[in-house]
Amino acid sequence: MTEKIQLGRLKKRSEFLYVRDGRYRAIGGVVIQMRENPENDEQIRVGFTATKKVGNAVIRNRAKRRLKACAQSKLPELGLIGHDYVFIARNNTATRKFEALQEDVKKALITLSKPLPPS
C-alpha cells in the first residue's frame, strides 16, 4: 500500500515570496511556481493565490477552490517532496472545464519535476 503524502500549507507572505524566486510553469488556466525548501525535507507544502485581476471575491475564491482540488489530486503523485509550490489563478481558472484544468496542472507539474539541463 502506498503511503499518503501529507500536504502542508504556505500561509505567510514571506513563504510565497521565497517560492517566487524558484522555477515556474504557466499552462492554460494555471501558473505553478516551485522551489526546493532546504528546511522541509519530509513533506510538500502548497499555497494558493488569485489577484484582483481574476475577478471579484466570489470568482477568486471559486478559482482557488478549484486549484486546491487539483493540487490535492495531482501533487501527491507528481510533486517533489521537500519542495514548496504556489498555484496562481489566471483569468480563466474559474470558468475552465475542470478536466482541462487538471490536465494543465498535470502538465505543469511534470515539467517542473524534470531536472534543469546544465547551462
PDB file of N, CA and C in Angstrom:
ATOM      1  N   MET A   1       0.841  -1.179   0.000  1.00  0.00           N
ATOM      2  CA  MET A   1       0.000   0.000   0.000  1.00  0.00           C
ATOM      3  C   MET A   1       0.886   1.242   0.000  1.00  0.00           C
ATOM      4  N   THR A   2       0.578   2.197  -0.853  1.00  0.00           N
ATOM      5  CA  THR A   2       1.386   3.409  -0.919  1.00  0.00           C
ATOM      6  C   THR A   2       1.028   4.352   0.217  1.00  0.00           C
ATOM      7  N   GLU A   3       2.052   5.032   0.709  1.00  0.00           N
ATOM      8  CA  GLU A   3       1.844   5.963   1.816  1.00  0.00           C
ATOM      9  C   GLU A   3       1.234   7.256   1.299  1.00  0.00           C
ATOM     10  N   LYS A   4       0.248   7.756   1.994  1.00  0.00           N
ATOM     11  CA  LYS A   4      -0.421   9.005   1.627  1.00  0.00           C
ATOM     12  C   LYS A   4       0.474  10.183   2.006  1.00  0.00           C
ATOM     13  N   ILE A   5       0.815  11.002   1.029  1.00  0.00           N
ATOM     14  CA  ILE A   5       1.668  12.157   1.274  1.00  0.00           C
ATOM     15  C   ILE A   5       0.815  13.286   1.829  1.00  0.00           C
ATOM     16  N   GLN A   6       1.257  13.839   2.944  1.00  0.00           N
ATOM     17  CA  GLN A   6       0.546  14.938   3.586  1.00  0.00           C
ATOM     18  C   GLN A   6       1.010  16.264   2.983  1.00  0.00           C
ATOM     19  N   LEU A   7       0.062  17.077   2.561  1.00  0.00           N
ATOM     20  CA  LEU A   7       0.383  18.385   2.002  1.00  0.00           C
ATOM     21  C   LEU A   7       0.345  19.425   3.112  1.00  0.00           C
ATOM     22  N   GLY A   8       1.440  20.185   3.244  1.00  0.00           N
ATOM     23  CA  GLY A   8       1.471  21.301   4.171  1.00  0.00           C
ATOM     24  C   GLY A   8       0.976  22.560   3.473  1.00  0.00           C
ATOM     25  N   ARG A   9       0.806  23.634   4.222  1.00  0.00           N
ATOM     26  CA  ARG A   9       0.288  24.874   3.645  1.00  0.00           C
ATOM     27  C   ARG A   9       1.289  26.003   3.806  1.00  0.00           C
ATOM     28  N   LEU A  10       1.366  26.839   2.782  1.00  0.00           N
ATOM     29  CA  LEU A  10       2.102  28.094   2.860  1.00  0.00           C
ATOM     30  C   LEU A  10       1.100  29.142   3.306  1.00  0.00           C
ATOM     31  N   LYS A  11       1.434  29.895   4.350  1.00  0.00           N
ATOM     32  CA  LYS A  11       0.491  30.880   4.871  1.00  0.00           C
ATOM     33  C   LYS A  11       1.070  32.284   4.947  1.00  0.00           C
ATOM     34  N   LYS A  12       2.367  32.385   5.186  1.00  0.00           N
ATOM     35  CA  LYS A  12       2.972  33.700   5.353  1.00  0.00           C
ATOM     36  C   LYS A  12       3.413  34.281   4.013  1.00  0.00           C
ATOM     37  N   ARG A  13       3.359  35.594   3.904  1.00  0.00           N
ATOM     38  CA  ARG A  13       3.771  36.270   2.682  1.00  0.00           C
ATOM     39  C   ARG A  13       5.226  35.950   2.349  1.00  0.00           C
ATOM     40  N   SER A  14       6.071  35.873   3.360  1.00  0.00           N
ATOM     41  CA  SER A  14       7.492  35.587   3.135  1.00  0.00           C
ATOM     42  C   SER A  14       7.691  34.217   2.489  1.00  0.00           C
ATOM     43  N   GLU A  15       6.821  33.247   2.812  1.00  0.00           N
ATOM     44  CA  GLU A  15       6.921  31.923   2.201  1.00  0.00           C
ATOM     45  C   GLU A  15       6.563  31.986   0.716  1.00  0.00           C
ATOM     46  N   PHE A  16       5.544  32.758   0.388  1.00  0.00           N
ATOM     47  CA  PHE A  16       5.158  32.927  -1.012  1.00  0.00           C
ATOM     48  C   PHE A  16       6.270  33.629  -1.789  1.00  0.00           C
ATOM     49  N   LEU A  17       6.885  34.642  -1.185  1.00  0.00           N
ATOM     50  CA  LEU A  17       7.961  35.379  -1.847  1.00  0.00           C
ATOM     51  C   LEU A  17       9.188  34.499  -2.043  1.00  0.00           C
ATOM     52  N   TYR A  18       9.453  33.585  -1.121  1.00  0.00           N
ATOM     53  CA  TYR A  18      10.570  32.655  -1.260  1.00  0.00           C
ATOM     54  C   TYR A  18      10.360  31.766  -2.482  1.00  0.00           C
ATOM     55  N   VAL A  19       9.159  31.246  -2.647  1.00  0.00           N
ATOM     56  CA  VAL A  19       8.868  30.346  -3.768  1.00  0.00           C
ATOM     57  C   VAL A  19       8.912  31.105  -5.097  1.00  0.00           C
ATOM     58  N   ARG A  20       8.570  32.380  -5.076  1.00  0.00           N
ATOM     59  CA  ARG A  20       8.541  33.187  -6.298  1.00  0.00           C
ATOM     60  C   ARG A  20       9.895  33.198  -7.009  1.00  0.00           C
ATOM     61  N   ASP A  21      10.980  33.076  -6.256  1.00  0.00           N
ATOM     62  CA  ASP A  21      12.314  33.120  -6.854  1.00  0.00           C
ATOM     63  C   ASP A  21      12.766  31.771  -7.423  1.00  0.00           C
ATOM     64  N   GLY A  22      11.899  30.787  -7.418  1.00  0.00           N
ATOM     65  CA  GLY A  22      12.230  29.465  -7.959  1.00  0.00           C
ATOM     66  C   GLY A  22      11.806  29.339  -9.415  1.00  0.00           C
ATOM     67  N   ARG A  23      11.474  28.114  -9.804  1.00  0.00           N
ATOM     68  CA  ARG A  23      11.030  27.831 -11.180  1.00  0.00           C
ATOM     69  C   ARG A  23       9.523  27.999 -11.278  1.00  0.00           C
ATOM     70  N   TYR A  24       9.039  28.233 -12.498  1.00  0.00           N
ATOM     71  CA  TYR A  24       7.593  28.324 -12.694  1.00  0.00           C
ATOM     72  C   TYR A  24       7.223  27.776 -14.059  1.00  0.00           C
ATOM     73  N   ARG A  25       5.945  27.450 -14.188  1.00  0.00           N
ATOM     74  CA  ARG A  25       5.383  26.987 -15.461  1.00  0.00           C
ATOM     75  C   ARG A  25       3.960  27.502 -15.549  1.00  0.00           C
ATOM     76  N   ALA A  26       3.641  28.135 -16.666  1.00  0.00           N
ATOM     77  CA  ALA A  26       2.295  28.656 -16.910  1.00  0.00           C
ATOM     78  C   ALA A  26       1.681  27.882 -18.078  1.00  0.00           C
ATOM     79  N   ILE A  27       0.565  27.214 -17.808  1.00  0.00           N
ATOM     80  CA  ILE A  27      -0.139  26.454 -18.845  1.00  0.00           C
ATOM     81  C   ILE A  27      -1.631  26.675 -18.661  1.00  0.00           C
ATOM     82  N   GLY A  28      -2.307  27.079 -19.723  1.00  0.00           N
ATOM     83  CA  GLY A  28      -3.766  27.202 -19.711  1.00  0.00           C
ATOM     84  C   GLY A  28      -4.299  28.061 -18.585  1.00  0.00           C
ATOM     85  N   GLY A  29      -4.969  27.435 -17.630  1.00  0.00           N
ATOM     86  CA  GLY A  29      -5.650  28.173 -16.574  1.00  0.00           C
ATOM     87  C   GLY A  29      -4.885  28.282 -15.271  1.00  0.00           C
ATOM     88  N   VAL A  30      -3.575  27.973 -15.273  1.00  0.00           N
ATOM     89  CA  VAL A  30      -2.843  27.990 -14.007  1.00  0.00           C
ATOM     90  C   VAL A  30      -1.372  28.355 -14.229  1.00  0.00           C
ATOM     91  N   VAL A  31      -0.819  29.010 -13.220  1.00  0.00           N
ATOM     92  CA  VAL A  31       0.625  29.220 -13.127  1.00  0.00           C
ATOM     93  C   VAL A  31       1.063  28.506 -11.856  1.00  0.00           C
ATOM     94  N   ILE A  32       2.104  27.684 -11.961  1.00  0.00           N
ATOM     95  CA  ILE A  32       2.625  26.987 -10.792  1.00  0.00           C
ATOM     96  C   ILE A  32       4.079  27.380 -10.608  1.00  0.00           C
ATOM     97  N   GLN A  33       4.390  27.837  -9.391  1.00  0.00           N
ATOM     98  CA  GLN A  33       5.760  28.146  -9.016  1.00  0.00           C
ATOM     99  C   GLN A  33       6.244  27.050  -8.080  1.00  0.00           C
ATOM    100  N   MET A  34       7.550  26.728  -8.170  1.00  0.00           N
ATOM    101  CA  MET A  34       8.099  25.661  -7.340  1.00  0.00           C
ATOM    102  C   MET A  34       9.503  26.049  -6.902  1.00  0.00           C
ATOM    103  N   ARG A  35       9.831  25.728  -5.671  1.00  0.00           N
ATOM    104  CA  ARG A  35      11.186  25.943  -5.191  1.00  0.00           C
ATOM    105  C   ARG A  35      11.498  24.942  -4.091  1.00  0.00           C
ATOM    106  N   GLU A  36      12.723  24.417  -4.130  1.00  0.00           N
ATOM    107  CA  GLU A  36      13.158  23.487  -3.090  1.00  0.00           C
ATOM    108  C   GLU A  36      13.269  24.230  -1.774  1.00  0.00           C
ATOM    109  N   ASN A  37      12.828  23.571  -0.709  1.00  0.00           N
ATOM    110  CA  ASN A  37      12.897  24.158   0.620  1.00  0.00           C
ATOM    111  C   ASN A  37      13.849  23.321   1.466  1.00  0.00           C
ATOM    112  N   PRO A  38      15.065  23.834   1.732  1.00  0.00           N
ATOM    113  CA  PRO A  38      16.036  23.034   2.478  1.00  0.00           C
ATOM    114  C   PRO A  38      15.620  22.757   3.926  1.00  0.00           C
ATOM    115  N   GLU A  39      14.706  23.548   4.480  1.00  0.00           N
ATOM    116  CA  GLU A  39      14.256  23.336   5.862  1.00  0.00           C
ATOM    117  C   GLU A  39      13.179  22.268   5.978  1.00  0.00           C
ATOM    118  N   ASN A  40      12.629  21.862   4.841  1.00  0.00           N
ATOM    119  CA  ASN A  40      11.498  20.947   4.847  1.00  0.00           C
ATOM    120  C   ASN A  40      11.813  19.786   3.913  1.00  0.00           C
ATOM    121  N   ASP A  41      12.169  18.624   4.468  1.00  0.00           N
ATOM    122  CA  ASP A  41      12.543  17.503   3.609  1.00  0.00           C
ATOM    123  C   ASP A  41      11.599  16.306   3.711  1.00  0.00           C
ATOM    124  N   GLU A  42      10.472  16.460   4.419  1.00  0.00           N
ATOM    125  CA  GLU A  42       9.576  15.311   4.535  1.00  0.00           C
ATOM    126  C   GLU A  42       8.164  15.552   4.031  1.00  0.00           C
ATOM    127  N   GLN A  43       7.866  16.740   3.526  1.00  0.00           N
ATOM    128  CA  GLN A  43       6.509  16.970   3.011  1.00  0.00           C
ATOM    129  C   GLN A  43       6.541  17.955   1.849  1.00  0.00           C
ATOM    130  N   ILE A  44       5.400  18.064   1.203  1.00  0.00           N
ATOM    131  CA  ILE A  44       5.191  19.040   0.137  1.00  0.00           C
ATOM    132  C   ILE A  44       4.307  20.137   0.722  1.00  0.00           C
ATOM    133  N   ARG A  45       4.733  21.389   0.578  1.00  0.00           N
ATOM    134  CA  ARG A  45       3.905  22.498   1.048  1.00  0.00           C
ATOM    135  C   ARG A  45       3.363  23.237  -0.171  1.00  0.00           C
ATOM    136  N   VAL A  46       2.145  23.743  -0.034  1.00  0.00           N
ATOM    137  CA  VAL A  46       1.483  24.373  -1.169  1.00  0.00           C
ATOM    138  C   VAL A  46       0.700  25.598  -0.704  1.00  0.00           C
ATOM    139  N   GLY A  47       0.640  26.608  -1.578  1.00  0.00           N
ATOM    140  CA  GLY A  47      -0.134  27.817  -1.320  1.00  0.00           C
ATOM    141  C   GLY A  47      -0.915  28.189  -2.570  1.00  0.00           C
ATOM    142  N   PHE A  48      -1.947  28.983  -2.393  1.00  0.00           N
ATOM    143  CA  PHE A  48      -2.830  29.360  -3.494  1.00  0.00           C
ATOM    144  C   PHE A  48      -3.064  30.859  -3.462  1.00  0.00           C
ATOM    145  N   THR A  49      -3.110  31.473  -4.645  1.00  0.00           N
ATOM    146  CA  THR A  49      -3.359  32.903  -4.701  1.00  0.00           C
ATOM    147  C   THR A  49      -4.096  33.261  -5.990  1.00  0.00           C
ATOM    148  N   ALA A  50      -4.844  34.342  -5.910  1.00  0.00           N
ATOM    149  CA  ALA A  50      -5.549  34.879  -7.076  1.00  0.00           C
ATOM    150  C   ALA A  50      -5.586  36.397  -6.915  1.00  0.00           C
ATOM    151  N   THR A  51      -5.131  37.120  -7.922  1.00  0.00           N
ATOM    152  CA  THR A  51      -5.117  38.573  -7.840  1.00  0.00           C
ATOM    153  C   THR A  51      -6.498  39.136  -8.154  1.00  0.00           C
ATOM    154  N   LYS A  52      -6.676  40.418  -7.894  1.00  0.00           N
ATOM    155  CA  LYS A  52      -7.958  41.061  -8.168  1.00  0.00           C
ATOM    156  C   LYS A  52      -8.264  41.134  -9.651  1.00  0.00           C
ATOM    157  N   LYS A  53      -7.257  40.959 -10.486  1.00  0.00           N
ATOM    158  CA  LYS A  53      -7.482  40.944 -11.936  1.00  0.00           C
ATOM    159  C   LYS A  53      -8.328  39.748 -12.355  1.00  0.00           C
ATOM    160  N   VAL A  54      -8.323  38.693 -11.531  1.00  0.00           N
ATOM    161  CA  VAL A  54      -9.088  37.480 -11.841  1.00  0.00           C
ATOM    162  C   VAL A  54     -10.584  37.758 -11.758  1.00  0.00           C
ATOM    163  N   GLY A  55     -10.998  38.605 -10.825  1.00  0.00           N
ATOM    164  CA  GLY A  55     -12.415  38.922 -10.686  1.00  0.00           C
ATOM    165  C   GLY A  55     -12.731  39.326  -9.262  1.00  0.00           C
ATOM    166  N   ASN A  56     -14.017  39.379  -8.951  1.00  0.00           N
ATOM    167  CA  ASN A  56     -14.419  39.760  -7.595  1.00  0.00           C
ATOM    168  C   ASN A  56     -14.135  38.615  -6.621  1.00  0.00           C
ATOM    169  N   ALA A  57     -14.442  38.817  -5.347  1.00  0.00           N
ATOM    170  CA  ALA A  57     -14.088  37.848  -4.308  1.00  0.00           C
ATOM    171  C   ALA A  57     -14.706  36.475  -4.563  1.00  0.00           C
ATOM    172  N   VAL A  58     -15.922  36.447  -5.061  1.00  0.00           N
ATOM    173  CA  VAL A  58     -16.598  35.169  -5.311  1.00  0.00           C
ATOM    174  C   VAL A  58     -15.845  34.383  -6.386  1.00  0.00           C
ATOM    175  N   ILE A  59     -15.450  35.051  -7.454  1.00  0.00           N
ATOM    176  CA  ILE A  59     -14.740  34.380  -8.549  1.00  0.00           C
ATOM    177  C   ILE A  59     -13.339  33.955  -8.101  1.00  0.00           C
ATOM    178  N   ARG A  60     -12.652  34.814  -7.349  1.00  0.00           N
ATOM    179  CA  ARG A  60     -11.310  34.464  -6.854  1.00  0.00           C
ATOM    180  C   ARG A  60     -11.370  33.256  -5.937  1.00  0.00           C
ATOM    181  N   ASN A  61     -12.363  33.208  -5.060  1.00  0.00           N
ATOM    182  CA  ASN A  61     -12.494  32.056  -4.156  1.00  0.00           C
ATOM    183  C   ASN A  61     -12.840  30.783  -4.920  1.00  0.00           C
ATOM    184  N   ARG A  62     -13.681  30.887  -5.933  1.00  0.00           N
ATOM    185  CA  ARG A  62     -14.015  29.719  -6.752  1.00  0.00           C
ATOM    186  C   ARG A  62     -12.757  29.210  -7.460  1.00  0.00           C
ATOM    187  N   ALA A  63     -11.966  30.124  -8.002  1.00  0.00           N
ATOM    188  CA  ALA A  63     -10.739  29.735  -8.689  1.00  0.00           C
ATOM    189  C   ALA A  63      -9.776  29.033  -7.727  1.00  0.00           C
ATOM    190  N   LYS A  64      -9.631  29.568  -6.517  1.00  0.00           N
ATOM    191  CA  LYS A  64      -8.723  28.948  -5.545  1.00  0.00           C
ATOM    192  C   LYS A  64      -9.238  27.579  -5.091  1.00  0.00           C
ATOM    193  N   ARG A  65     -10.546  27.434  -4.923  1.00  0.00           N
ATOM    194  CA  ARG A  65     -11.112  26.123  -4.551  1.00  0.00           C
ATOM    195  C   ARG A  65     -10.819  25.087  -5.630  1.00  0.00           C
ATOM    196  N   ARG A  66     -10.946  25.500  -6.889  1.00  0.00           N
ATOM    197  CA  ARG A  66     -10.683  24.574  -7.991  1.00  0.00           C
ATOM    198  C   ARG A  66      -9.202  24.189  -8.032  1.00  0.00           C
ATOM    199  N   LEU A  67      -8.326  25.171  -7.768  1.00  0.00           N
ATOM    200  CA  LEU A  67      -6.890  24.879  -7.744  1.00  0.00           C
ATOM    201  C   LEU A  67      -6.546  23.951  -6.581  1.00  0.00           C
ATOM    202  N   LYS A  68      -7.203  24.144  -5.438  1.00  0.00           N
ATOM    203  CA  LYS A  68      -6.966  23.273  -4.286  1.00  0.00           C
ATOM    204  C   LYS A  68      -7.359  21.835  -4.612  1.00  0.00           C
ATOM    205  N   ALA A  69      -8.476  21.655  -5.286  1.00  0.00           N
ATOM    206  CA  ALA A  69      -8.919  20.311  -5.658  1.00  0.00           C
ATOM    207  C   ALA A  69      -7.920  19.658  -6.611  1.00  0.00           C
ATOM    208  N   CYS A  70      -7.410  20.423  -7.565  1.00  0.00           N
ATOM    209  CA  CYS A  70      -6.410  19.892  -8.500  1.00  0.00           C
ATOM    210  C   CYS A  70      -5.124  19.535  -7.773  1.00  0.00           C
ATOM    211  N   ALA A  71      -4.704  20.401  -6.856  1.00  0.00           N
ATOM    212  CA  ALA A  71      -3.464  20.150  -6.116  1.00  0.00           C
ATOM    213  C   ALA A  71      -3.587  18.898  -5.253  1.00  0.00           C
ATOM    214  N   GLN A  72      -4.727  18.713  -4.591  1.00  0.00           N
ATOM    215  CA  GLN A  72      -4.909  17.545  -3.736  1.00  0.00           C
ATOM    216  C   GLN A  72      -4.888  16.248  -4.533  1.00  0.00           C
ATOM    217  N   SER A  73      -5.318  16.307  -5.792  1.00  0.00           N
ATOM    218  CA  SER A  73      -5.335  15.081  -6.579  1.00  0.00           C
ATOM    219  C   SER A  73      -4.014  14.830  -7.309  1.00  0.00           C
ATOM    220  N   LYS A  74      -3.308  15.874  -7.711  1.00  0.00           N
ATOM    221  CA  LYS A  74      -2.109  15.695  -8.534  1.00  0.00           C
ATOM    222  C   LYS A  74      -0.783  15.807  -7.788  1.00  0.00           C
ATOM    223  N   LEU A  75      -0.695  16.654  -6.759  1.00  0.00           N
ATOM    224  CA  LEU A  75       0.591  16.859  -6.077  1.00  0.00           C
ATOM    225  C   LEU A  75       1.144  15.602  -5.402  1.00  0.00           C
ATOM    226  N   PRO A  76       0.317  14.783  -4.730  1.00  0.00           N
ATOM    227  CA  PRO A  76       0.896  13.591  -4.095  1.00  0.00           C
ATOM    228  C   PRO A  76       1.607  12.662  -5.079  1.00  0.00           C
ATOM    229  N   GLU A  77       1.134  12.584  -6.311  1.00  0.00           N
ATOM    230  CA  GLU A  77       1.769  11.675  -7.268  1.00  0.00           C
ATOM    231  C   GLU A  77       2.837  12.355  -8.115  1.00  0.00           C
ATOM    232  N   LEU A  78       2.719  13.666  -8.382  1.00  0.00           N
ATOM    233  CA  LEU A  78       3.649  14.344  -9.288  1.00  0.00           C
ATOM    234  C   LEU A  78       4.548  15.369  -8.611  1.00  0.00           C
ATOM    235  N   GLY A  79       4.248  15.740  -7.368  1.00  0.00           N
ATOM    236  CA  GLY A  79       5.049  16.734  -6.667  1.00  0.00           C
ATOM    237  C   GLY A  79       6.315  16.125  -6.079  1.00  0.00           C
ATOM    238  N   LEU A  80       7.291  16.962  -5.838  1.00  0.00           N
ATOM    239  CA  LEU A  80       8.564  16.522  -5.268  1.00  0.00           C
ATOM    240  C   LEU A  80       8.573  16.813  -3.767  1.00  0.00           C
ATOM    241  N   ILE A  81       8.874  15.818  -2.977  1.00  0.00           N
ATOM    242  CA  ILE A  81       8.944  16.003  -1.525  1.00  0.00           C
ATOM    243  C   ILE A  81      10.114  16.934  -1.219  1.00  0.00           C
ATOM    244  N   GLY A  82       9.881  17.847  -0.276  1.00  0.00           N
ATOM    245  CA  GLY A  82      10.905  18.816   0.081  1.00  0.00           C
ATOM    246  C   GLY A  82      10.842  20.082  -0.754  1.00  0.00           C
ATOM    247  N   HIS A  83       9.777  20.233  -1.533  1.00  0.00           N
ATOM    248  CA  HIS A  83       9.600  21.412  -2.358  1.00  0.00           C
ATOM    249  C   HIS A  83       8.322  22.139  -1.950  1.00  0.00           C
ATOM    250  N   ASP A  84       8.310  23.441  -2.205  1.00  0.00           N
ATOM    251  CA  ASP A  84       7.130  24.268  -1.972  1.00  0.00           C
ATOM    252  C   ASP A  84       6.542  24.652  -3.323  1.00  0.00           C
ATOM    253  N   TYR A  85       5.215  24.711  -3.395  1.00  0.00           N
ATOM    254  CA  TYR A  85       4.514  25.060  -4.634  1.00  0.00           C
ATOM    255  C   TYR A  85       3.537  26.191  -4.351  1.00  0.00           C
ATOM    256  N   VAL A  86       3.400  27.096  -5.322  1.00  0.00           N
ATOM    257  CA  VAL A  86       2.381  28.135  -5.268  1.00  0.00           C
ATOM    258  C   VAL A  86       1.565  28.029  -6.547  1.00  0.00           C
ATOM    259  N   PHE A  87       0.269  27.880  -6.399  1.00  0.00           N
ATOM    260  CA  PHE A  87      -0.660  27.829  -7.530  1.00  0.00           C
ATOM    261  C   PHE A  87      -1.286  29.211  -7.671  1.00  0.00           C
ATOM    262  N   ILE A  88      -1.167  29.805  -8.859  1.00  0.00           N
ATOM    263  CA  ILE A  88      -1.689  31.141  -9.114  1.00  0.00           C
ATOM    264  C   ILE A  88      -2.817  31.026 -10.131  1.00  0.00           C
ATOM    265  N   ALA A  89      -3.968  31.558  -9.761  1.00  0.00           N
ATOM    266  CA  ALA A  89      -5.133  31.521 -10.656  1.00  0.00           C
ATOM    267  C   ALA A  89      -4.951  32.524 -11.789  1.00  0.00           C
ATOM    268  N   ARG A  90      -5.488  32.192 -12.943  1.00  0.00           N
ATOM    269  CA  ARG A  90      -5.493  33.094 -14.095  1.00  0.00           C
ATOM    270  C   ARG A  90      -6.946  33.481 -14.382  1.00  0.00           C
ATOM    271  N   ASN A  91      -7.122  34.357 -15.369  1.00  0.00           N
ATOM    272  CA  ASN A  91      -8.455  34.877 -15.677  1.00  0.00           C
ATOM    273  C   ASN A  91      -9.473  33.781 -15.979  1.00  0.00           C
ATOM    274  N   ASN A  92      -9.044  32.686 -16.598  1.00  0.00           N
ATOM    275  CA  ASN A  92      -9.996  31.642 -16.988  1.00  0.00           C
ATOM    276  C   ASN A  92     -10.027  30.451 -16.033  1.00  0.00           C
ATOM    277  N   THR A  93      -9.360  30.529 -14.892  1.00  0.00           N
ATOM    278  CA  THR A  93      -9.320  29.391 -13.960  1.00  0.00           C
ATOM    279  C   THR A  93     -10.707  29.021 -13.442  1.00  0.00           C
ATOM    280  N   ALA A  94     -11.520  30.016 -13.113  1.00  0.00           N
ATOM    281  CA  ALA A  94     -12.838  29.754 -12.532  1.00  0.00           C
ATOM    282  C   ALA A  94     -13.832  29.198 -13.548  1.00  0.00           C
ATOM    283  N   THR A  95     -13.619  29.468 -14.837  1.00  0.00           N
ATOM    284  CA  THR A  95     -14.585  29.051 -15.859  1.00  0.00           C
ATOM    285  C   THR A  95     -14.089  27.902 -16.734  1.00  0.00           C
ATOM    286  N   ARG A  96     -12.813  27.576 -16.666  1.00  0.00           N
ATOM    287  CA  ARG A  96     -12.256  26.500 -17.495  1.00  0.00           C
ATOM    288  C   ARG A  96     -12.854  25.162 -17.072  1.00  0.00           C
ATOM    289  N   LYS A  97     -13.042  24.267 -18.034  1.00  0.00           N
ATOM    290  CA  LYS A  97     -13.539  22.929 -17.697  1.00  0.00           C
ATOM    291  C   LYS A  97     -12.576  22.276 -16.709  1.00  0.00           C
ATOM    292  N   PHE A  98     -13.137  21.605 -15.705  1.00  0.00           N
ATOM    293  CA  PHE A  98     -12.309  21.063 -14.634  1.00  0.00           C
ATOM    294  C   PHE A  98     -11.316  20.029 -15.154  1.00  0.00           C
ATOM    295  N   GLU A  99     -11.716  19.213 -16.103  1.00  0.00           N
ATOM    296  CA  GLU A  99     -10.808  18.210 -16.669  1.00  0.00           C
ATOM    297  C   GLU A  99      -9.632  18.887 -17.357  1.00  0.00           C
ATOM    298  N   ALA A 100      -9.904  19.984 -18.061  1.00  0.00           N
ATOM    299  CA  ALA A 100      -8.832  20.731 -18.737  1.00  0.00           C
ATOM    300  C   ALA A 100      -7.903  21.378 -17.714  1.00  0.00           C
ATOM    301  N   LEU A 101      -8.472  21.883 -16.630  1.00  0.00           N
ATOM    302  CA  LEU A 101      -7.658  22.498 -15.577  1.00  0.00           C
ATOM    303  C   LEU A 101      -6.760  21.446 -14.921  1.00  0.00           C
ATOM    304  N   GLN A 102      -7.299  20.261 -14.667  1.00  0.00           N
ATOM    305  CA  GLN A 102      -6.489  19.190 -14.094  1.00  0.00           C
ATOM    306  C   GLN A 102      -5.362  18.785 -15.047  1.00  0.00           C
ATOM    307  N   GLU A 103      -5.642  18.764 -16.327  1.00  0.00           N
ATOM    308  CA  GLU A 103      -4.611  18.433 -17.314  1.00  0.00           C
ATOM    309  C   GLU A 103      -3.526  19.506 -17.344  1.00  0.00           C
ATOM    310  N   ASP A 104      -3.919  20.787 -17.218  1.00  0.00           N
ATOM    311  CA  ASP A 104      -2.943  21.882 -17.151  1.00  0.00           C
ATOM    312  C   ASP A 104      -2.024  21.698 -15.945  1.00  0.00           C
ATOM    313  N   VAL A 105      -2.612  21.380 -14.797  1.00  0.00           N
ATOM    314  CA  VAL A 105      -1.835  21.182 -13.571  1.00  0.00           C
ATOM    315  C   VAL A 105      -0.891  19.993 -13.744  1.00  0.00           C
ATOM    316  N   LYS A 106      -1.391  18.918 -14.314  1.00  0.00           N
ATOM    317  CA  LYS A 106      -0.572  17.722 -14.521  1.00  0.00           C
ATOM    318  C   LYS A 106       0.625  18.034 -15.414  1.00  0.00           C
ATOM    319  N   LYS A 107       0.396  18.711 -16.536  1.00  0.00           N
ATOM    320  CA  LYS A 107       1.494  19.049 -17.457  1.00  0.00           C
ATOM    321  C   LYS A 107       2.517  19.959 -16.790  1.00  0.00           C
ATOM    322  N   ALA A 108       2.035  20.947 -16.037  1.00  0.00           N
ATOM    323  CA  ALA A 108       2.948  21.875 -15.371  1.00  0.00           C
ATOM    324  C   ALA A 108       3.790  21.151 -14.328  1.00  0.00           C
ATOM    325  N   LEU A 109       3.184  20.261 -13.543  1.00  0.00           N
ATOM    326  CA  LEU A 109       3.925  19.542 -12.514  1.00  0.00           C
ATOM    327  C   LEU A 109       4.949  18.583 -13.121  1.00  0.00           C
ATOM    328  N   ILE A 110       4.593  17.947 -14.229  1.00  0.00           N
ATOM    329  CA  ILE A 110       5.545  17.054 -14.901  1.00  0.00           C
ATOM    330  C   ILE A 110       6.744  17.856 -15.387  1.00  0.00           C
ATOM    331  N   THR A 111       6.500  19.009 -15.990  1.00  0.00           N
ATOM    332  CA  THR A 111       7.590  19.861 -16.476  1.00  0.00           C
ATOM    333  C   THR A 111       8.472  20.333 -15.326  1.00  0.00           C
ATOM    334  N   LEU A 112       7.851  20.749 -14.221  1.00  0.00           N
ATOM    335  CA  LEU A 112       8.626  21.257 -13.091  1.00  0.00           C
ATOM    336  C   LEU A 112       9.427  20.172 -12.387  1.00  0.00           C
ATOM    337  N   SER A 113       8.982  18.930 -12.443  1.00  0.00           N
ATOM    338  CA  SER A 113       9.688  17.854 -11.746  1.00  0.00           C
ATOM    339  C   SER A 113      10.910  17.369 -12.514  1.00  0.00           C
ATOM    340  N   LYS A 114      11.028  17.748 -13.791  1.00  0.00           N
ATOM    341  CA  LYS A 114      12.206  17.372 -14.571  1.00  0.00           C
ATOM    342  C   LYS A 114      13.399  18.221 -14.134  1.00  0.00           C
ATOM    343  N   PRO A 115      14.563  17.624 -14.023  1.00  0.00           N
ATOM    344  CA  PRO A 115      15.739  18.421 -13.641  1.00  0.00           C
ATOM    345  C   PRO A 115      16.099  19.418 -14.733  1.00  0.00           C
ATOM    346  N   LEU A 116      16.687  20.536 -14.331  1.00  0.00           N
ATOM    347  CA  LEU A 116      17.125  21.548 -15.284  1.00  0.00           C
ATOM    348  C   LEU A 116      18.341  21.030 -16.059  1.00  0.00           C
ATOM    349  N   PRO A 117      18.411  21.322 -17.375  1.00  0.00           N
ATOM    350  CA  PRO A 117      19.604  20.926 -18.127  1.00  0.00           C
ATOM    351  C   PRO A 117      20.793  21.792 -17.682  1.00  0.00           C
ATOM    352  N   PRO A 118      21.995  21.227 -17.718  1.00  0.00           N
ATOM    353  CA  PRO A 118      23.156  22.024 -17.329  1.00  0.00           C
ATOM    354  C   PRO A 118      23.357  23.206 -18.277  1.00  0.00           C
ATOM    355  N   SER A 119      23.744  24.337 -17.719  1.00  0.00           N
ATOM    356  CA  SER A 119      23.894  25.525 -18.568  1.00  0.00           C
ATOM    357  C   SER A 119      25.326  25.755 -18.979  1.00  0.00           C
TER     358      SER A 119
END
